[in-house]
Amino acid sequence: MLKASQLAYVVLEVLMAVLAVLGNVLVCWAVGLNSNLQTVTNLFVVSLAVADVAVGLLAIPFAIIISTGICAHFLGCLFLACFVLILTQSSIFSLLAIAVDRYVAISNPLRYSSLVTGQRAKVIISVCWLLSFVIGLTPLLGWNSGANATAPAGTGSCPPGLSECLFEGVVPMDYMIYFNFLGCAEEGGARRQVAGHHRGPLRSVLAASAPHQLLQLPLPALPAAHVWLINAAIILSHANSVVNPFIYAYRIREFRHTFRRIIYQQLLGRSD
């Protein structure tokens, strides 16, 4: 039986998952429907939307499973945690790619079209996803808490050979600090470059990446933090996948027009 705090966490996570999937599917649909939106920049936006759809469909359900602390084989629990890491990292790298794209567009507007071509954008997106898989699967290659994860016979809440499936129980803190601080440093550098030329892109990237950075604050700084505080930080991180469509798409008039067209004509079957 879930406690009230756990139930509230699960309900909020489910809400985040539904909103993330709906909002980001709408972004992908709009780009596919409107040829005016099929630009190089929006390749990065679609990559981010795909990552956020995957967060809603897979990462959040897996995070809910892990949060319950069910008894599971260590490798099975570690696989779920790694899958969450892959999707989270893919979203972070997509944000980084968008920041770099905007920096190039602002700092070299006359050369942008020759520097950032569709083919190069696809290569960059592929590299971002490849890096996400490499970083996310690193715990499966040995950087994990395996030595301390299995409950000994007759002790704890799990039978012998099984472990309580909690994220912090299978993924070591040094891994989280290393890769997330590294990612924050990379994003911060890109934001500073953008900030020197234009404030708009800075606000967008800062707003979208802040939850990922805030997520890391309670764990390293407060090792004895209450579960509700950790869960709140996780929800804040997943909320990033909900707000990205508003930050990167809804502010653009062409996107808003296409969204209305999809909702009224495609879904409701009537004119705008």
Protein backbone atom coordinates (compact mmCIF):
# COMPACT_ATOMS: atom_id res chain seq x y z
CA MET A 1 0.00 0.00 0.00
CA LEU A 2 1.46 3.34 -1.04
CA LYS A 3 1.81 6.10 1.51
CA ALA A 4 0.03 9.40 0.89
CA SER A 5 3.28 11.08 -0.18
CA GLN A 6 4.13 8.22 -2.55
CA LEU A 7 0.62 8.29 -4.02
CA ALA A 8 0.86 12.05 -4.59
CA TYR A 9 4.22 11.54 -6.29
CA VAL A 10 2.82 8.84 -8.58
CA VAL A 11 -0.23 10.96 -9.51
CA LEU A 12 1.96 13.96 -10.36
CA GLU A 13 4.34 11.80 -12.38
CA VAL A 14 1.45 10.32 -14.37
CA LEU A 15 0.14 13.83 -15.03
CA MET A 16 3.60 14.92 -16.19
CA ALA A 17 3.84 11.89 -18.47
CA VAL A 18 0.49 12.59 -20.14
CA LEU A 19 1.24 16.28 -20.66
CA ALA A 20 4.77 15.58 -21.92
CA VAL A 21 3.54 13.07 -24.49
CA LEU A 22 0.65 15.23 -25.72
CA GLY A 23 2.64 18.45 -25.97
CA ASN A 24 5.67 16.98 -27.68
CA VAL A 25 3.68 14.80 -30.08
CA LEU A 26 1.93 18.01 -31.09
CA VAL A 27 5.32 19.61 -31.84
CA CYS A 28 6.40 16.68 -34.03
CA TRP A 29 3.01 16.65 -35.75
CA ALA A 30 3.21 20.38 -36.48
CA VAL A 31 6.65 20.11 -38.07
CA GLY A 32 5.54 17.17 -40.19
CA LEU A 33 2.37 18.97 -41.30
CA ASN A 34 3.73 22.45 -42.04
CA SER A 35 6.58 22.68 -44.55
CA ASN A 36 7.40 26.18 -43.28
CA LEU A 37 8.46 24.60 -39.99
CA GLN A 38 10.76 22.06 -41.61
CA THR A 39 13.94 24.06 -40.96
CA VAL A 40 17.38 23.06 -39.76
CA THR A 41 16.75 24.62 -36.35
CA ASN A 42 13.54 22.66 -35.94
CA LEU A 43 15.44 19.41 -36.55
CA PHE A 44 16.95 20.03 -33.12
CA VAL A 45 13.54 20.95 -31.70
CA VAL A 46 12.05 17.71 -33.05
CA SER A 47 14.95 15.72 -31.58
CA LEU A 48 14.22 17.32 -28.21
CA ALA A 49 10.50 16.60 -28.61
CA VAL A 50 11.20 12.93 -29.42
CA ALA A 51 13.39 12.67 -26.33
CA ASP A 52 10.65 14.24 -24.21
CA VAL A 53 8.00 11.90 -25.64
CA ALA A 54 10.24 9.01 -24.63
CA VAL A 55 10.58 10.53 -21.17
CA GLY A 56 6.79 10.57 -20.86
CA LEU A 57 6.24 7.09 -22.28
CA LEU A 58 9.19 5.25 -20.73
CA ALA A 59 11.39 7.22 -18.34
CA ILE A 60 8.60 8.41 -16.05
CA PRO A 61 6.93 4.97 -15.75
CA PHE A 62 10.33 3.43 -15.00
CA ALA A 63 11.03 6.18 -12.46
CA ILE A 64 7.71 5.40 -10.76
CA ILE A 65 8.64 1.71 -10.56
CA ILE A 66 12.03 2.54 -9.09
CA SER A 67 10.52 4.98 -6.57
CA THR A 68 8.37 2.24 -5.02
CA GLY A 69 11.44 0.30 -3.92
CA ILE A 70 10.12 -3.05 -5.16
CA CYS A 71 12.32 -6.10 -4.71
CA ALA A 72 14.09 -7.01 -7.93
CA HIS A 73 17.27 -8.55 -9.24
CA PHE A 74 20.06 -5.99 -9.21
CA LEU A 75 20.70 -6.08 -12.95
CA GLY A 76 17.00 -5.63 -13.74
CA CYS A 77 16.79 -2.60 -11.47
CA LEU A 78 20.04 -1.23 -12.89
CA PHE A 79 18.68 -1.60 -16.44
CA LEU A 80 15.60 0.47 -15.54
CA ALA A 81 17.80 3.14 -13.97
CA CYS A 82 20.08 3.22 -17.03
CA PHE A 83 17.10 3.61 -19.34
CA VAL A 84 15.97 6.63 -17.33
CA LEU A 85 19.51 8.03 -17.55
CA ILE A 86 19.66 7.56 -21.33
CA LEU A 87 16.44 9.48 -21.93
CA THR A 88 17.34 12.21 -19.45
CA GLN A 89 20.76 12.66 -21.05
CA SER A 90 19.22 12.75 -24.54
CA SER A 91 17.02 15.64 -23.47
CA ILE A 92 20.01 17.48 -21.95
CA PHE A 93 22.15 16.99 -25.06
CA SER A 94 19.27 18.14 -27.27
CA LEU A 95 19.04 21.33 -25.21
CA LEU A 96 22.79 21.79 -25.61
CA ALA A 97 22.51 21.33 -29.40
CA ILE A 98 19.75 23.96 -29.56
CA ALA A 99 21.89 26.38 -27.53
CA VAL A 100 24.87 25.91 -29.86
CA ASP A 101 22.63 26.26 -32.93
CA ARG A 102 21.23 29.56 -31.64
CA TYR A 103 24.72 30.80 -30.78
CA VAL A 104 25.94 30.13 -34.32
CA ALA A 105 22.82 31.79 -35.79
CA ILE A 106 23.31 34.91 -33.69
CA SER A 107 27.09 35.22 -33.89
CA ASN A 108 27.39 34.33 -37.61
CA PRO A 109 24.03 35.18 -39.22
CA LEU A 110 25.46 35.54 -42.72
CA ARG A 111 27.27 32.19 -42.61
CA TYR A 112 24.69 30.27 -40.59
CA SER A 113 23.03 28.55 -43.56
CA SER A 114 26.39 27.30 -44.83
CA LEU A 115 27.71 26.30 -41.40
CA VAL A 116 24.60 24.52 -40.10
CA THR A 117 23.21 22.43 -42.94
CA GLY A 118 20.53 19.78 -42.70
CA GLN A 119 23.10 17.01 -43.09
CA ARG A 120 25.34 18.42 -40.37
CA ALA A 121 22.35 18.87 -38.07
CA LYS A 122 21.44 15.20 -38.52
CA VAL A 123 25.02 14.18 -37.71
CA ILE A 124 25.01 16.36 -34.58
CA ILE A 125 21.68 14.88 -33.46
CA SER A 126 23.00 11.35 -34.03
CA VAL A 127 26.11 12.13 -31.97
CA CYS A 128 23.95 13.57 -29.16
CA TRP A 129 21.86 10.40 -29.00
CA LEU A 130 24.96 8.19 -29.20
CA LEU A 131 26.55 10.05 -26.30
CA SER A 132 23.31 9.70 -24.35
CA PHE A 133 23.42 5.92 -24.76
CA VAL A 134 27.12 5.75 -23.87
CA ILE A 135 26.70 7.82 -20.70
CA GLY A 136 23.40 6.18 -19.74
CA LEU A 137 24.75 2.64 -20.15
CA THR A 138 27.99 3.32 -18.28
CA PRO A 139 26.61 1.92 -14.98
CA LEU A 140 25.86 -1.37 -16.77
CA LEU A 141 29.54 -1.59 -17.70
CA GLY A 142 30.61 -1.59 -14.07
CA TRP A 143 30.21 1.88 -12.60
CA ASN A 144 27.39 0.93 -10.24
CA SER A 145 26.64 0.07 -6.62
CA GLY A 146 26.58 -3.69 -7.19
CA ALA A 147 28.87 -4.53 -4.31
CA ASN A 148 26.43 -3.08 -1.77
CA ALA A 149 23.09 -3.63 -3.49
CA THR A 150 22.09 -7.20 -2.65
CA ALA A 151 20.41 -7.83 0.67
CA PRO A 152 22.04 -10.63 2.70
CA ALA A 153 20.00 -13.69 3.63
CA GLY A 154 17.47 -13.10 6.39
CA THR A 155 17.88 -9.33 6.54
CA GLY A 156 16.09 -6.34 5.09
CA SER A 157 12.78 -6.33 3.30
CA CYS A 158 13.87 -8.36 0.26
CA PRO A 159 14.49 -12.12 -0.09
CA PRO A 160 18.05 -13.37 -0.55
CA GLY A 161 19.47 -12.52 -3.97
CA LEU A 162 17.11 -9.59 -4.49
CA SER A 163 17.57 -5.92 -3.68
CA GLU A 164 15.30 -2.98 -3.01
CA CYS A 165 15.02 -1.25 -6.38
CA LEU A 166 15.85 2.38 -5.67
CA PHE A 167 17.71 4.65 -8.05
CA GLU A 168 20.28 5.74 -5.49
CA GLY A 169 20.76 2.10 -4.52
CA VAL A 170 22.07 1.02 -7.92
CA VAL A 171 23.62 4.17 -9.42
CA PRO A 172 26.51 5.56 -7.32
CA MET A 173 26.58 9.21 -6.33
CA ASP A 174 30.02 9.83 -7.86
CA TYR A 175 28.61 8.87 -11.27
CA MET A 176 25.68 11.29 -10.88
CA ILE A 177 27.91 14.13 -9.72
CA TYR A 178 30.50 13.59 -12.45
CA PHE A 179 28.21 13.35 -15.45
CA ASN A 180 25.57 15.85 -14.34
CA PHE A 181 28.09 18.47 -13.24
CA LEU A 182 29.88 17.90 -16.55
CA GLY A 183 26.63 18.38 -18.45
CA CYS A 184 25.77 21.50 -16.47
CA ALA A 185 29.21 22.96 -17.18
CA GLU A 186 28.81 22.33 -20.91
CA GLU A 187 25.34 23.86 -20.96
CA GLY A 188 26.54 26.80 -18.87
CA GLY A 189 29.35 27.50 -21.33
CA ALA A 190 26.96 27.48 -24.26
CA ARG A 191 24.53 29.77 -22.43
CA ARG A 192 27.29 32.27 -21.62
CA GLN A 193 28.24 32.40 -25.29
CA VAL A 194 24.61 33.02 -26.26
CA ALA A 195 24.15 35.58 -23.49
CA GLY A 196 26.91 37.72 -24.92
CA HIS A 197 24.88 38.24 -28.09
CA HIS A 198 21.17 37.97 -27.25
CA ARG A 199 19.01 37.53 -24.16
CA GLY A 200 16.09 35.65 -25.73
CA PRO A 201 17.84 32.33 -26.43
CA LEU A 202 19.50 32.56 -23.02
CA ARG A 203 16.14 32.72 -21.28
CA SER A 204 14.86 29.75 -23.27
CA VAL A 205 17.82 27.48 -22.57
CA LEU A 206 18.08 28.61 -18.94
CA ALA A 207 14.40 27.93 -18.32
CA ALA A 208 14.57 24.52 -19.94
CA SER A 209 17.81 23.32 -18.35
CA ALA A 210 17.22 24.67 -14.83
CA PRO A 211 15.20 21.63 -13.65
CA HIS A 212 18.02 19.26 -14.64
CA GLN A 213 20.50 21.32 -12.64
CA LEU A 214 18.18 21.77 -9.64
CA LEU A 215 17.60 18.02 -9.56
CA GLN A 216 21.22 17.50 -8.57
CA LEU A 217 21.19 19.96 -5.66
CA PRO A 218 19.33 17.98 -2.96
CA LEU A 219 21.27 14.72 -3.38
CA PRO A 220 24.92 15.83 -3.15
CA ALA A 221 24.23 18.70 -0.75
CA LEU A 222 21.68 16.94 1.48
CA PRO A 223 22.53 13.24 1.79
CA ALA A 224 19.89 12.82 4.48
CA ALA A 225 17.19 14.66 2.54
CA HIS A 226 13.62 13.50 3.00
CA VAL A 227 12.08 11.36 0.29
CA TRP A 228 9.53 14.05 -0.52
CA LEU A 229 12.31 16.53 -1.32
CA ILE A 230 14.01 14.07 -3.68
CA ASN A 231 10.67 13.25 -5.32
CA ALA A 232 9.92 16.95 -5.73
CA ALA A 233 13.25 17.42 -7.50
CA ILE A 234 12.55 14.45 -9.78
CA ILE A 235 9.12 15.86 -10.66
CA LEU A 236 10.72 19.22 -11.40
CA SER A 237 13.16 17.51 -13.75
CA HIS A 238 10.38 15.66 -15.56
CA ALA A 239 8.35 18.87 -15.76
CA ASN A 240 11.09 20.05 -18.10
CA SER A 241 9.66 17.72 -20.75
CA VAL A 242 6.26 19.37 -20.29
CA VAL A 243 7.42 22.98 -20.66
CA ASN A 244 9.81 22.49 -23.59
CA PRO A 245 7.01 22.74 -26.21
CA PHE A 246 6.01 26.10 -24.74
CA ILE A 247 9.60 27.37 -24.60
CA TYR A 248 10.72 26.27 -28.05
CA ALA A 249 7.52 26.05 -30.09
CA TYR A 250 4.46 27.85 -28.72
CA ARG A 251 6.24 31.22 -28.67
CA ILE A 252 6.63 31.00 -32.47
CA ARG A 253 3.59 32.23 -34.42
CA GLU A 254 3.88 29.59 -37.15
CA PHE A 255 3.85 26.85 -34.53
CA ARG A 256 0.81 28.36 -32.79
CA HIS A 257 -1.08 28.59 -36.08
CA THR A 258 -0.24 24.97 -36.90
CA PHE A 259 -1.25 23.81 -33.41
CA ARG A 260 -4.67 25.43 -33.86
CA ARG A 261 -4.96 23.85 -37.30
CA ILE A 262 -4.21 20.41 -35.86
CA ILE A 263 -6.62 20.78 -32.94
CA TYR A 264 -9.53 22.26 -34.89
CA GLN A 265 -9.19 20.57 -38.28
CA GLN A 266 -7.39 17.29 -37.59
CA LEU A 267 -8.78 16.44 -34.14
CA LEU A 268 -12.13 18.23 -33.93
CA GLY A 269 -12.95 18.03 -37.64
CA ARG A 270 -14.00 21.64 -38.08
CA SER A 271 -12.50 24.85 -39.48
CA ASP A 272 -10.44 27.21 -37.34
